[in-house]
């Protein structure tokens, strides 16, 4: 594939022209070799990845949208692409890389995720997501990033909306010709071939796409921040062509932008040797999908404009998405309480220890409903007024901890500080060493999802722990007007003990875990049944030869090759270790028993 303008002998994905003429929403034919996996499932930052295998072998290309939540075209385009059928090659699609920012329709929450690829950061959820993206890229032969920028890119200044500092309606490369260690990649030729086809159907010169070379690697580049971007990382670290497709935020026709971005993506895929057939859709489908087919209930009552949801103080909210929207678009749903904006109750538990005024339902960041909350009854009193009781959620289960006691947890567990049982005022709970809102640190950690990873806590706040290898942190009640009290959280290292597999006859095999060890298995198919550790198994993710496994997924041990099974923490994606499974005959030949 090298000097890579890639083979142009493959079909140029002409199917995408049909999308301009479509009048009905038609579901894409489900591909037999398409499957999805959700990393960080059950957290506030789920990352859905769709793997699609083509009918014929070919390159693997990764396409990503939604790294910045105010760029709707990118994640809608990527979502539609994830429902494609492939005639040749393979796709790895990440439709919504940054769900929390999409929920709030913001570019970023803590940090700009597209500026976290110059090193392996480990502080915010954005860094955990970036860790998975870096893990997936070595499996790919090319990368396409979908964005939506302001204004209209022009290489020379025309006016404030049309100049080199605007990104809209451009196809961006970090350099025209990349001279890598293994081969050279001619990004200029690849993009120009696409532009000649793409722009032939766009009349307005402003709306036509233009080649935007950021000259990322030049010392005098005007865009030094691009050295931290994902395209730069993919090109420089993995020597694969990496290209960004930007439509303009200042074009108001969302359906037109999605059509054009999908066309550009299909043309690039064809340049790379991947033939994709995306679903057919109409402009009305794009405009209205977020308001169609969504129904969320709280304690059995639907969240609707003008409705009233009655809650009793101290009750638990049972949030249930009953309808999740148009299947082809699979929008991100979020339900926010007015006192905790940004905490998605669809992915978090809540006990109503403090009143709030309303519940707001958002679909891909767009508010579609708001219900008023009416409170009935009084808050239950503290059973022992002399010793406050802290209410927490640990891995989704309620936990009550008296002041001075220790809550035992394992690294990677999820903790939510709910409040004080029977408290009569707005509480302030501070987990010393953790900062919930870095840009507005007031010591308030109540209500936020806390991933117990001491590596991204402030180390000087750790105190001596009774757990071997563990770390202890203090949670302090700092509510104005009341006596300070506290409890401790002990965070033990997470340890993997064993794997339980089932063979082709359904018989279970218990395999003791041996980090970096080897284990001989007879040739055949095996099903992952369970991964045992000193914490809940849903806080672990197992991967076979780099592919994530869900419970019940199978993998093959063949006669020729060993298989590597890696276990990582599900909430941080930190690696806990690997084991190599060797076919019995191969193991015997190597003198391994």
Protein backbone atom coordinates (compact mmCIF):
# COMPACT_ATOMS: atom_id res chain seq x y z
CA UNK A 1 0.00 0.00 0.00
CA UNK A 2 3.01 2.09 -0.23
CA UNK A 3 3.71 4.99 -1.52
CA UNK A 4 0.20 5.16 -0.23
CA UNK A 5 -2.31 6.76 -2.35
CA UNK A 6 -3.53 3.14 -2.03
CA UNK A 7 -4.86 0.92 -4.74
CA UNK A 8 -7.49 2.57 -6.89
CA UNK A 9 -8.39 -0.71 -8.58
CA UNK A 10 -11.19 -1.19 -6.06
CA UNK A 11 -14.70 0.09 -6.67
CA UNK A 12 -15.12 3.71 -5.53
CA UNK A 13 -18.13 3.16 -3.25
CA UNK A 14 -20.62 4.59 -5.73
CA UNK A 15 -23.56 3.54 -3.57
CA UNK A 16 -23.30 6.70 -1.50
CA UNK A 17 -24.81 8.75 -4.36
CA UNK A 18 -28.10 7.04 -3.62
CA UNK A 19 -28.34 8.85 -0.32
CA UNK A 20 -28.91 12.14 -2.15
CA UNK A 21 -32.04 10.73 -3.81
CA UNK A 22 -33.48 8.79 -0.89
CA UNK A 23 -37.05 9.47 0.16
CA UNK A 24 -37.50 6.85 2.86
CA UNK A 25 -35.48 5.56 5.75
CA UNK A 26 -34.32 2.07 4.84
CA UNK A 27 -32.55 -0.07 7.36
CA UNK A 28 -29.18 -1.35 6.28
CA UNK A 29 -28.97 -5.08 5.80
CA UNK A 30 -27.51 -6.51 8.98
CA UNK A 31 -24.09 -7.92 8.20
CA UNK A 32 -23.39 -11.40 9.50
CA UNK A 33 -19.88 -10.39 10.56
CA UNK A 34 -20.74 -7.17 12.38
CA UNK A 35 -20.64 -6.96 16.15
CA UNK A 36 -20.23 -4.25 18.75
CA UNK A 37 -18.58 -3.94 22.12
CA UNK A 38 -19.13 -1.24 24.74
CA UNK A 39 -16.02 -0.31 26.69
CA UNK A 40 -16.61 1.33 30.09
CA UNK A 41 -20.15 -0.04 30.14
CA UNK A 42 -22.14 1.18 33.13
CA UNK A 43 -19.98 4.29 33.58
CA UNK A 44 -20.72 7.89 32.67
CA UNK A 45 -18.45 7.55 29.61
CA UNK A 46 -19.49 4.41 27.66
CA UNK A 47 -17.57 3.87 24.40
CA UNK A 48 -19.35 1.81 21.77
CA UNK A 49 -17.11 0.27 19.10
CA UNK A 50 -18.55 -1.47 16.04
CA UNK A 51 -16.44 -4.06 14.22
CA UNK A 52 -17.55 -4.92 10.66
CA UNK A 53 -15.90 -7.60 8.52
CA UNK A 54 -16.35 -7.42 4.75
CA UNK A 55 -17.40 -10.16 2.37
CA UNK A 56 -13.93 -10.07 0.80
CA UNK A 57 -10.63 -9.55 2.61
CA UNK A 58 -9.02 -6.14 2.59
CA UNK A 59 -7.56 -3.40 4.78
CA UNK A 60 -8.99 -2.38 8.14
CA UNK A 61 -9.91 1.30 8.53
CA UNK A 62 -10.96 3.00 11.73
CA UNK A 63 -13.52 5.83 11.57
CA UNK A 64 -14.36 7.94 14.60
CA UNK A 65 -16.84 10.69 15.38
CA UNK A 66 -17.97 12.58 18.45
CA UNK A 67 -14.64 13.28 20.12
CA UNK A 68 -16.04 16.78 20.76
CA UNK A 69 -19.68 16.90 21.77
CA UNK A 70 -20.69 20.09 19.93
CA UNK A 71 -19.86 18.55 16.54
CA UNK A 72 -23.10 16.73 15.77
CA UNK A 73 -22.46 15.96 12.10
CA UNK A 74 -19.40 13.91 12.96
CA UNK A 75 -21.13 11.52 15.34
CA UNK A 76 -24.31 11.21 13.25
CA UNK A 77 -22.22 10.39 10.17
CA UNK A 78 -20.12 7.86 12.07
CA UNK A 79 -23.25 6.27 13.55
CA UNK A 80 -24.80 5.81 10.10
CA UNK A 81 -21.53 4.40 8.78
CA UNK A 82 -21.51 1.86 11.63
CA UNK A 83 -24.62 0.30 10.05
CA UNK A 84 -22.94 -0.21 6.69
CA UNK A 85 -22.55 -3.44 4.80
CA UNK A 86 -19.02 -4.09 3.53
CA UNK A 87 -18.20 -5.79 0.25
CA UNK A 88 -14.46 -5.58 0.85
CA UNK A 89 -12.21 -4.82 3.81
CA UNK A 90 -13.04 -4.16 7.44
CA UNK A 91 -14.24 -1.24 9.53
CA UNK A 92 -13.77 -0.30 13.17
CA UNK A 93 -16.23 2.51 13.91
CA UNK A 94 -16.41 4.61 17.09
CA UNK A 95 -19.58 6.66 16.55
CA UNK A 96 -19.53 8.68 19.80
CA UNK A 97 -16.09 8.83 21.36
CA UNK A 98 -17.00 11.41 24.02
CA UNK A 99 -20.52 10.71 25.29
CA UNK A 100 -20.45 13.09 28.31
CA UNK A 101 -19.59 16.05 26.08
CA UNK A 102 -22.30 15.01 23.61
CA UNK A 103 -24.86 14.87 26.43
CA UNK A 104 -24.09 18.50 27.31
CA UNK A 105 -23.39 19.64 23.73
CA UNK A 106 -19.95 20.92 24.75
CA UNK A 107 -16.57 20.68 23.08
CA UNK A 108 -15.07 19.25 26.26
CA UNK A 109 -15.84 18.40 29.86
CA UNK A 110 -12.49 18.28 31.67
CA UNK A 111 -10.00 18.57 28.81
CA UNK A 112 -10.11 18.50 25.02
CA UNK A 113 -9.89 14.78 24.27
CA UNK A 114 -8.35 15.49 20.87
CA UNK A 115 -5.34 17.02 22.63
CA UNK A 116 -4.56 13.95 24.80
CA UNK A 117 -2.59 11.82 22.34
CA UNK A 118 0.92 13.18 22.77
CA UNK A 119 1.44 11.03 25.87
CA UNK A 120 -0.35 8.45 28.04
CA UNK A 121 -2.28 10.71 30.42
CA UNK A 122 -4.19 9.26 33.37
CA UNK A 123 -6.27 11.86 35.16
CA UNK A 124 -9.69 12.25 33.57
CA UNK A 125 -12.23 9.98 31.90
CA UNK A 126 -11.05 11.46 28.58
CA UNK A 127 -7.67 9.83 29.19
CA UNK A 128 -9.23 6.39 29.74
CA UNK A 129 -11.15 6.67 26.48
CA UNK A 130 -7.99 7.81 24.68
CA UNK A 131 -6.27 4.71 26.07
CA UNK A 132 -8.77 2.45 24.28
CA UNK A 133 -8.43 4.44 21.05
CA UNK A 134 -4.65 4.05 21.17
CA UNK A 135 -5.16 0.33 21.77
CA UNK A 136 -7.37 -0.08 18.68
CA UNK A 137 -5.25 1.87 16.20
CA UNK A 138 -2.47 -0.75 15.75
CA UNK A 139 -5.14 -3.07 14.30
CA UNK A 140 -5.82 -0.57 11.49
CA UNK A 141 -4.34 0.32 8.10
CA UNK A 142 -5.83 3.84 7.99
CA UNK A 143 -7.78 6.28 10.15
CA UNK A 144 -10.54 8.81 9.35
CA UNK A 145 -11.65 11.39 11.93
CA UNK A 146 -15.01 13.14 11.52
CA UNK A 147 -15.37 16.71 12.81
CA UNK A 148 -17.44 19.87 12.49
CA UNK A 149 -15.54 23.17 12.56
CA UNK A 150 -16.51 26.82 12.46
CA UNK A 151 -16.56 28.99 9.34
CA UNK A 152 -14.98 27.99 6.04
CA UNK A 153 -11.34 27.10 5.56
CA UNK A 154 -9.44 29.12 2.95
CA UNK A 155 -5.63 29.00 2.61
CA UNK A 156 -5.52 32.82 2.45
CA UNK A 157 -7.46 35.39 4.47
CA UNK A 158 -10.71 36.61 2.88
CA UNK A 159 -12.76 37.67 5.89
CA UNK A 160 -13.36 36.61 9.48
CA UNK A 161 -15.42 33.59 8.43
CA UNK A 162 -13.19 32.52 5.52
CA UNK A 163 -9.54 32.25 6.43
CA UNK A 164 -6.75 29.81 7.44
CA UNK A 165 -7.92 29.73 11.08
CA UNK A 166 -11.31 28.30 10.17
CA UNK A 167 -11.73 24.55 9.82
CA UNK A 168 -15.15 24.07 8.21
CA UNK A 169 -15.48 22.36 4.80
CA UNK A 170 -11.97 20.98 4.72
CA UNK A 171 -10.18 17.68 4.56
CA UNK A 172 -7.24 17.97 6.91
CA UNK A 173 -3.84 16.30 6.84
CA UNK A 174 -0.86 16.83 9.11
CA UNK A 175 1.53 16.76 6.15
CA UNK A 176 1.27 16.25 2.41
CA UNK A 177 3.86 13.49 2.27
CA UNK A 178 4.77 11.40 5.29
CA UNK A 179 8.13 9.64 5.10
CA UNK A 180 7.79 6.96 7.72
CA UNK A 181 10.17 4.28 8.88
CA UNK A 182 8.47 1.57 6.80
CA UNK A 183 7.09 3.51 3.84
CA UNK A 184 5.97 6.87 2.55
CA UNK A 185 2.33 7.97 2.58
CA UNK A 186 1.16 10.46 -0.02
CA UNK A 187 -1.78 12.10 1.71
CA UNK A 188 -1.97 14.91 -0.83
CA UNK A 189 -2.74 12.58 -3.74
CA UNK A 190 -5.31 10.65 -1.72
CA UNK A 191 -7.20 13.79 -0.68
CA UNK A 192 -7.04 15.47 -4.09
CA UNK A 193 -8.54 12.38 -5.74
CA UNK A 194 -11.42 12.55 -3.28
CA UNK A 195 -11.90 16.32 -3.66
CA UNK A 196 -12.20 16.09 -7.46
CA UNK A 197 -15.15 13.71 -7.10
CA UNK A 198 -16.72 15.25 -4.02
CA UNK A 199 -16.75 18.88 -5.16
CA UNK A 200 -18.10 18.17 -8.66
CA UNK A 201 -21.60 18.06 -7.14
CA UNK A 202 -21.25 21.12 -4.84
CA UNK A 203 -22.01 24.45 -6.53
CA UNK A 204 -21.10 26.95 -3.81
CA UNK A 205 -17.37 27.59 -3.60
CA UNK A 206 -17.65 28.16 0.16
CA UNK A 207 -19.37 24.83 0.59
CA UNK A 208 -16.79 22.93 -1.46
CA UNK A 209 -14.18 21.01 0.54
CA UNK A 210 -10.56 22.12 0.42
CA UNK A 211 -7.29 20.43 1.25
CA UNK A 212 -6.04 21.80 4.58
CA UNK A 213 -2.41 20.97 5.39
CA UNK A 214 -1.67 21.97 8.98
CA UNK A 215 2.08 21.30 8.51
CA UNK A 216 2.00 19.79 11.98
CA UNK A 217 5.62 18.67 11.97
CA UNK A 218 7.10 21.96 10.74
CA UNK A 219 8.85 24.03 13.39
CA UNK A 220 7.04 27.15 12.21
CA UNK A 221 3.60 25.58 11.93
CA UNK A 222 0.64 27.81 12.74
CA UNK A 223 -1.09 24.81 14.34
CA UNK A 224 1.32 23.42 16.98
CA UNK A 225 -1.63 22.09 19.03
CA UNK A 226 -2.18 19.50 16.31
CA UNK A 227 0.89 17.64 17.57
CA UNK A 228 -1.35 16.42 20.40
CA UNK A 229 -4.16 15.32 18.09
CA UNK A 230 -5.31 11.84 17.19
CA UNK A 231 -4.51 12.09 13.46
CA UNK A 232 -0.95 13.13 14.28
CA UNK A 233 -0.62 10.22 16.70
CA UNK A 234 -1.97 7.69 14.17
CA UNK A 235 0.36 8.94 11.43
CA UNK A 236 3.53 9.43 13.46
CA UNK A 237 3.28 6.49 15.86
CA UNK A 238 1.61 3.87 13.68
CA UNK A 239 2.63 4.97 10.18
CA UNK A 240 -0.91 4.77 8.81
CA UNK A 241 -2.66 7.43 6.72
CA UNK A 242 -4.75 9.63 9.00
CA UNK A 243 -7.20 12.20 7.65
CA UNK A 244 -9.87 14.44 9.23
CA UNK A 245 -13.07 15.44 7.42
CA UNK A 246 -14.54 18.73 8.69
CA UNK A 247 -17.93 20.14 7.74
CA UNK A 248 -18.93 23.64 8.79
CA UNK A 249 -20.97 24.56 11.86
CA UNK A 250 -22.09 27.62 9.93
CA UNK A 251 -24.02 25.54 7.43
CA UNK A 252 -27.40 25.12 9.09
CA UNK A 253 -28.64 22.22 6.95
CA UNK A 254 -27.61 19.27 9.14
CA UNK A 255 -28.88 16.72 6.66
CA UNK A 256 -26.76 18.21 3.85
CA UNK A 257 -23.66 18.13 6.03
CA UNK A 258 -24.21 14.51 7.01
CA UNK A 259 -24.74 13.52 3.36
CA UNK A 260 -21.52 15.27 2.30
CA UNK A 261 -19.45 13.95 5.19
CA UNK A 262 -20.64 10.42 4.54
CA UNK A 263 -19.79 10.78 0.85
CA UNK A 264 -16.31 12.05 1.66
CA UNK A 265 -15.79 9.17 4.08
CA UNK A 266 -16.92 6.57 1.55
CA UNK A 267 -14.60 8.03 -1.09
CA UNK A 268 -11.67 7.91 1.34
CA UNK A 269 -12.55 4.34 2.27
CA UNK A 270 -12.50 3.43 -1.41
CA UNK A 271 -9.07 5.03 -1.74
CA UNK A 272 -7.90 2.79 1.10
CA UNK A 273 -9.44 -0.35 -0.45
CA UNK A 274 -12.64 -0.65 1.61
CA UNK A 275 -16.00 -0.89 -0.19
CA UNK A 276 -18.87 0.18 2.07
CA UNK A 277 -22.62 0.39 1.50
CA UNK A 278 -24.09 2.80 4.08
CA UNK A 279 -27.81 2.90 4.95
CA UNK A 280 -30.10 5.09 2.89
CA UNK A 281 -31.77 7.98 4.74
CA UNK A 282 -33.57 11.26 4.08
CA UNK A 283 -33.03 14.80 5.24
CA UNK A 284 -36.10 14.56 7.46
CA UNK A 285 -34.63 11.51 9.16
CA UNK A 286 -31.51 13.46 10.14
CA UNK A 287 -33.48 16.50 11.27
CA UNK A 288 -35.98 14.65 13.45
CA UNK A 289 -34.31 11.48 14.73
CA UNK A 290 -33.53 12.94 18.18
CA UNK A 291 -37.20 13.58 18.95
CA UNK A 292 -38.57 10.25 17.71
CA UNK A 293 -39.13 7.02 19.59
CA UNK A 294 -37.60 8.04 22.94
CA UNK A 295 -39.32 7.27 26.24
CA UNK A 296 -37.67 7.33 29.67
CA UNK A 297 -39.51 6.69 32.91
CA UNK A 298 -38.65 7.53 36.51
CA UNK A 299 -40.34 5.29 39.06
CA UNK A 300 -42.80 4.29 36.36
CA UNK A 301 -43.71 7.83 35.25
CA UNK A 302 -42.60 9.12 31.84
CA UNK A 303 -40.48 12.26 31.60
CA UNK A 304 -42.57 14.61 29.43
CA UNK A 305 -42.84 18.36 29.03
CA UNK A 306 -45.32 19.67 31.58
CA UNK A 307 -45.57 16.44 33.55
CA UNK A 308 -45.06 16.16 37.31
CA UNK A 309 -43.10 13.30 38.88
CA UNK A 310 -43.82 12.80 42.58
CA UNK A 311 -40.99 11.56 44.77
CA UNK A 312 -40.72 10.80 48.45
CA UNK A 313 -37.63 12.13 50.26
CA UNK A 314 -35.17 9.30 50.79
CA UNK A 315 -36.57 7.21 47.94
CA UNK A 316 -34.45 5.63 45.22
CA UNK A 317 -34.91 6.74 41.63
CA UNK A 318 -35.57 3.88 39.22
CA UNK A 319 -34.71 5.23 35.77
CA UNK A 320 -35.62 3.09 32.77
CA UNK A 321 -35.19 3.87 29.05
CA UNK A 322 -38.22 2.11 27.57
CA UNK A 323 -37.72 3.35 24.00
CA UNK A 324 -34.24 4.36 22.89
CA UNK A 325 -34.86 6.14 19.59
CA UNK A 326 -34.50 5.44 15.88
CA UNK A 327 -32.37 2.32 15.51
CA UNK A 328 -30.22 3.60 12.64
CA UNK A 329 -29.16 6.64 14.67
CA UNK A 330 -28.93 5.03 18.14
CA UNK A 331 -28.80 8.39 19.94
CA UNK A 332 -27.17 8.91 23.33
CA UNK A 333 -29.80 9.42 26.04
CA UNK A 334 -29.18 11.41 29.21
CA UNK A 335 -31.40 12.30 32.16
CA UNK A 336 -30.17 15.09 34.42
CA UNK A 337 -31.49 16.25 37.80
CA UNK A 338 -31.45 20.02 38.15
CA UNK A 339 -29.03 19.96 41.10
CA UNK A 340 -26.52 17.68 39.35
CA UNK A 341 -26.20 18.82 35.72
CA UNK A 342 -23.92 16.50 33.84
CA UNK A 343 -24.53 13.37 35.95
CA UNK A 344 -26.49 11.01 33.70
CA UNK A 345 -29.04 9.16 35.84
CA UNK A 346 -29.46 6.54 33.12
CA UNK A 347 -25.92 5.40 33.94
CA UNK A 348 -25.90 6.21 37.67
CA UNK A 349 -27.97 5.41 40.77
CA UNK A 350 -29.50 8.03 43.01
CA UNK A 351 -31.19 8.12 46.40
CA UNK A 352 -33.10 11.38 46.85
CA UNK A 353 -31.57 12.64 50.08
CA UNK A 354 -31.82 16.27 48.93
CA UNK A 355 -34.67 17.87 46.93
CA UNK A 356 -34.27 19.06 43.36
CA UNK A 357 -36.75 20.89 41.15
CA UNK A 358 -36.84 19.07 37.80
CA UNK A 359 -35.59 16.28 35.57
CA UNK A 360 -34.36 17.01 32.05
CA UNK A 361 -34.18 14.45 29.23
CA UNK A 362 -31.61 15.00 26.48
CA UNK A 363 -31.09 13.08 23.25
CA UNK A 364 -27.65 13.53 21.63
CA UNK A 365 -27.39 16.75 23.64
CA UNK A 366 -30.75 18.16 22.56
CA UNK A 367 -33.29 18.79 25.34
CA UNK A 368 -36.55 17.11 24.39
CA UNK A 369 -38.44 16.97 27.70
CA UNK A 370 -38.47 18.40 31.21
CA UNK A 371 -40.62 17.22 34.13
CA UNK A 372 -41.21 19.05 37.37
CA UNK A 373 -40.53 17.14 40.59
CA UNK A 374 -43.00 17.35 43.48
CA UNK A 375 -41.92 16.12 46.91
CA UNK A 376 -44.31 14.37 49.26
CA UNK A 377 -43.55 13.50 52.87
CA UNK A 378 -40.53 14.23 55.05
CA UNK A 379 -36.98 12.96 55.07
CA UNK A 380 -36.33 10.02 57.44
CA UNK A 381 -34.27 11.03 60.45
CA UNK A 382 -30.75 9.84 61.21
CA UNK A 383 -30.98 6.68 63.36
CA UNK A 384 -28.10 7.99 65.54
CA UNK A 385 -27.83 11.75 65.60
CA UNK A 386 -24.49 11.63 67.43
CA UNK A 387 -22.80 9.69 64.60
CA UNK A 388 -23.68 10.69 61.04
CA UNK A 389 -24.37 7.94 58.49
CA UNK A 390 -22.83 8.47 55.05
CA UNK A 391 -24.79 7.06 52.11
CA UNK A 392 -22.79 5.83 49.10
CA UNK A 393 -23.21 3.75 45.99
CA UNK A 394 -20.41 1.22 45.44
CA UNK A 395 -20.60 -0.47 42.05
CA UNK A 396 -24.31 0.33 41.92
CA UNK A 397 -25.20 -1.05 45.33
CA UNK A 398 -26.17 1.18 48.29
CA UNK A 399 -23.72 1.27 51.18
CA UNK A 400 -24.22 2.96 54.57
CA UNK A 401 -21.04 3.94 56.42
CA UNK A 402 -20.97 5.45 59.91
CA UNK A 403 -18.56 8.22 60.70
CA UNK A 404 -15.13 6.83 61.59
CA UNK A 405 -15.66 3.53 59.77
CA UNK A 406 -13.82 2.16 56.75
CA UNK A 407 -15.40 1.36 53.37
CA UNK A 408 -13.47 -1.41 51.63
CA UNK A 409 -13.16 -1.24 47.84
CA UNK A 410 -10.94 -2.46 45.01
CA UNK A 411 -9.07 -0.44 42.44
CA UNK A 412 -11.34 0.43 39.53
CA UNK A 413 -14.55 0.30 41.58
CA UNK A 414 -17.17 3.01 41.06
CA UNK A 415 -18.11 5.16 44.04
CA UNK A 416 -20.83 7.81 44.31
CA UNK A 417 -21.11 9.87 47.49
CA UNK A 418 -24.85 10.32 47.90
CA UNK A 419 -25.06 12.32 51.11
CA UNK A 420 -25.87 12.06 54.82
CA UNK A 421 -28.87 9.97 55.84
CA UNK A 422 -31.32 12.28 57.58
CA UNK A 423 -29.31 15.39 56.75
CA UNK A 424 -31.42 18.53 56.80
CA UNK A 425 -29.30 20.84 54.62
CA UNK A 426 -27.22 20.97 51.45
CA UNK A 427 -24.33 18.66 52.21
CA UNK A 428 -20.71 19.02 51.11
CA UNK A 429 -18.70 15.79 50.97
CA UNK A 430 -15.04 15.94 50.01
CA UNK A 431 -12.98 12.89 49.05
CA UNK A 432 -9.54 14.22 49.88
CA UNK A 433 -7.20 13.71 46.94
CA UNK A 434 -9.94 13.59 44.30
CA UNK A 435 -11.18 16.63 42.35
CA UNK A 436 -14.62 16.26 40.79
CA UNK A 437 -14.61 19.57 38.88
CA UNK A 438 -11.01 20.62 38.10
CA UNK A 439 -11.98 24.04 36.72
CA UNK A 440 -14.13 24.89 39.78
CA UNK A 441 -12.70 22.98 42.73
CA UNK A 442 -14.82 23.79 45.78
CA UNK A 443 -14.24 20.50 47.56
CA UNK A 444 -17.69 19.22 46.59
CA UNK A 445 -17.58 15.60 45.38
CA UNK A 446 -21.16 14.69 46.25
CA UNK A 447 -23.08 13.07 43.39
CA UNK A 448 -20.20 12.56 40.95
CA UNK A 449 -19.02 9.21 39.65
CA UNK A 450 -15.62 8.51 41.23
CA UNK A 451 -13.45 5.77 39.74
CA UNK A 452 -11.26 4.52 42.56
CA UNK A 453 -7.90 4.70 40.84
CA UNK A 454 -5.29 6.04 43.28
CA UNK A 455 -2.93 6.70 40.36
CA UNK A 456 -4.99 9.75 39.40
CA UNK A 457 -5.65 10.93 42.95
CA UNK A 458 -3.40 13.47 44.65
CA UNK A 459 -0.89 11.21 46.41
CA UNK A 460 -0.18 13.39 49.43
CA UNK A 461 -3.73 12.83 50.70
CA UNK A 462 -3.27 9.06 51.00
CA UNK A 463 -2.98 7.71 54.56
CA UNK A 464 -1.75 4.39 55.89
CA UNK A 465 -3.95 1.42 55.01
CA UNK A 466 -4.39 -1.95 56.73
CA UNK A 467 -4.73 -3.65 53.33
CA UNK A 468 -1.45 -5.01 51.88
CA UNK A 469 -0.61 -2.85 48.87
CA UNK A 470 -3.73 -0.76 49.41
CA UNK A 471 -4.23 2.97 49.79
CA UNK A 472 -6.61 4.80 52.11
CA UNK A 473 -8.33 8.13 51.54
CA UNK A 474 -10.57 10.20 53.79
CA UNK A 475 -14.08 11.39 52.91
CA UNK A 476 -14.89 14.48 54.99
CA UNK A 477 -18.25 16.13 55.67
CA UNK A 478 -17.52 19.84 55.17
CA UNK A 479 -21.11 21.10 55.27
CA UNK A 480 -21.24 24.68 56.61
CA UNK A 481 -22.83 24.95 60.04
CA UNK A 482 -22.35 21.32 61.14
CA UNK A 483 -19.55 19.47 62.89
CA UNK A 484 -17.00 17.91 60.59
CA UNK A 485 -17.02 14.12 60.42
CA UNK A 486 -15.42 11.59 58.12
CA UNK A 487 -15.00 8.00 57.02
CA UNK A 488 -12.23 6.20 55.14
CA UNK A 489 -12.13 4.44 51.77
CA UNK A 490 -9.57 1.66 51.51
CA UNK A 491 -8.64 0.84 47.91
CA UNK A 492 -7.06 -2.60 47.54
CA UNK A 493 -5.14 -3.68 44.40
CA UNK A 494 -7.30 -5.65 41.99
CA UNK A 495 -6.15 -9.24 41.67
CA UNK A 496 -7.19 -11.80 39.06
CA UNK A 497 -7.59 -15.31 40.47
CA UNK A 498 -8.93 -17.58 37.72
CA UNK A 499 -10.73 -17.94 34.40
CA UNK A 500 -13.67 -20.22 33.79
CA UNK A 501 -14.00 -21.47 30.21
CA UNK A 502 -16.35 -23.95 28.57
CA UNK A 503 -15.16 -26.34 25.86
CA UNK A 504 -17.14 -27.50 22.83
CA UNK A 505 -18.91 -30.15 24.90
CA UNK A 506 -20.05 -27.55 27.41
CA UNK A 507 -17.73 -28.74 30.17
CA UNK A 508 -16.33 -26.01 32.40
CA UNK A 509 -12.60 -25.57 32.82
CA UNK A 510 -11.23 -23.63 35.80
CA UNK A 511 -7.87 -22.16 34.85
CA UNK A 512 -5.77 -20.56 37.60
CA UNK A 513 -4.57 -17.11 36.56
CA UNK A 514 -0.86 -16.79 35.99
CA UNK A 515 0.23 -13.33 34.98
CA UNK A 516 2.53 -13.59 31.94
CA UNK A 517 2.17 -17.37 32.21
CA UNK A 518 1.32 -20.11 29.71
CA UNK A 519 -1.35 -22.78 29.69
CA UNK A 520 -1.83 -25.71 27.29
CA UNK A 521 -5.32 -26.33 25.89
CA UNK A 522 -6.54 -28.90 23.37
CA UNK A 523 -7.34 -27.50 19.96
CA UNK A 524 -10.93 -26.30 19.65
CA UNK A 525 -13.45 -23.58 20.47
CA UNK A 526 -13.82 -22.17 23.99
CA UNK A 527 -16.39 -19.89 25.58
CA UNK A 528 -15.52 -17.31 28.23
CA UNK A 529 -17.87 -17.91 31.16
CA UNK A 530 -16.34 -15.88 33.98
CA UNK A 531 -13.29 -13.99 35.14
CA UNK A 532 -12.70 -14.18 38.88
CA UNK A 533 -10.97 -11.54 40.95
CA UNK A 534 -11.25 -9.90 44.36
CA UNK A 535 -14.04 -7.69 43.04
CA UNK A 536 -17.07 -7.92 40.74
CA UNK A 537 -16.28 -9.54 37.40
CA UNK A 538 -18.04 -6.77 35.47
CA UNK A 539 -15.12 -4.56 36.46
CA UNK A 540 -12.85 -6.67 34.24
CA UNK A 541 -12.60 -6.92 30.47
CA UNK A 542 -10.99 -9.93 28.82
CA UNK A 543 -9.45 -9.68 25.35
CA UNK A 544 -8.23 -12.47 23.07
CA UNK A 545 -5.53 -11.43 20.61
CA UNK A 546 -6.65 -7.82 21.02
CA UNK A 547 -10.38 -8.48 20.52
CA UNK A 548 -12.72 -7.79 23.47
CA UNK A 549 -14.77 -10.72 24.80
CA UNK A 550 -18.16 -10.54 26.45
CA UNK A 551 -19.44 -13.32 28.68
CA UNK A 552 -20.55 -16.11 26.37
CA UNK A 553 -18.25 -15.09 23.51
CA UNK A 554 -16.09 -17.83 22.01
CA UNK A 555 -12.53 -17.96 20.75
CA UNK A 556 -10.50 -20.56 18.89
CA UNK A 557 -7.36 -22.40 19.83
CA UNK A 558 -6.00 -23.80 16.57
CA UNK A 559 -3.18 -26.18 15.86
CA UNK A 560 -0.68 -23.63 14.64
CA UNK A 561 -0.80 -20.53 16.80
CA UNK A 562 -0.89 -19.60 20.45
CA UNK A 563 -3.58 -17.20 21.68
CA UNK A 564 -2.96 -14.33 24.08
CA UNK A 565 -5.71 -13.52 26.60
CA UNK A 566 -5.31 -10.16 28.32
CA UNK A 567 -7.32 -8.92 31.30
CA UNK A 568 -7.82 -5.20 31.87
CA UNK A 569 -9.79 -3.11 34.33
CA UNK A 570 -13.16 -2.30 32.81
CA UNK A 571 -13.38 1.24 34.21
CA UNK A 572 -9.83 2.42 33.48
CA UNK A 573 -8.59 0.00 30.78
CA UNK A 574 -5.40 -0.46 32.79
CA UNK A 575 -3.72 -3.76 31.99
CA UNK A 576 -3.72 -6.39 34.74
CA UNK A 577 -1.79 -9.06 32.84
CA UNK A 578 -1.85 -11.64 30.07
CA UNK A 579 -1.80 -15.40 29.68
CA UNK A 580 -0.78 -17.36 26.61
CA UNK A 581 -2.89 -20.36 25.64
CA UNK A 582 -0.84 -22.85 23.67
CA UNK A 583 -2.33 -25.71 21.63
CA UNK A 584 -1.50 -28.99 23.40
CA UNK A 585 0.45 -30.43 20.46
CA UNK A 586 2.43 -27.23 20.01
CA UNK A 587 3.08 -27.08 23.73
CA UNK A 588 4.41 -30.64 23.72
CA UNK A 589 6.68 -29.86 20.78
CA UNK A 590 8.07 -26.90 22.70
CA UNK A 591 8.60 -29.00 25.80
CA UNK A 592 5.80 -27.24 27.71
CA UNK A 593 3.34 -29.12 29.91
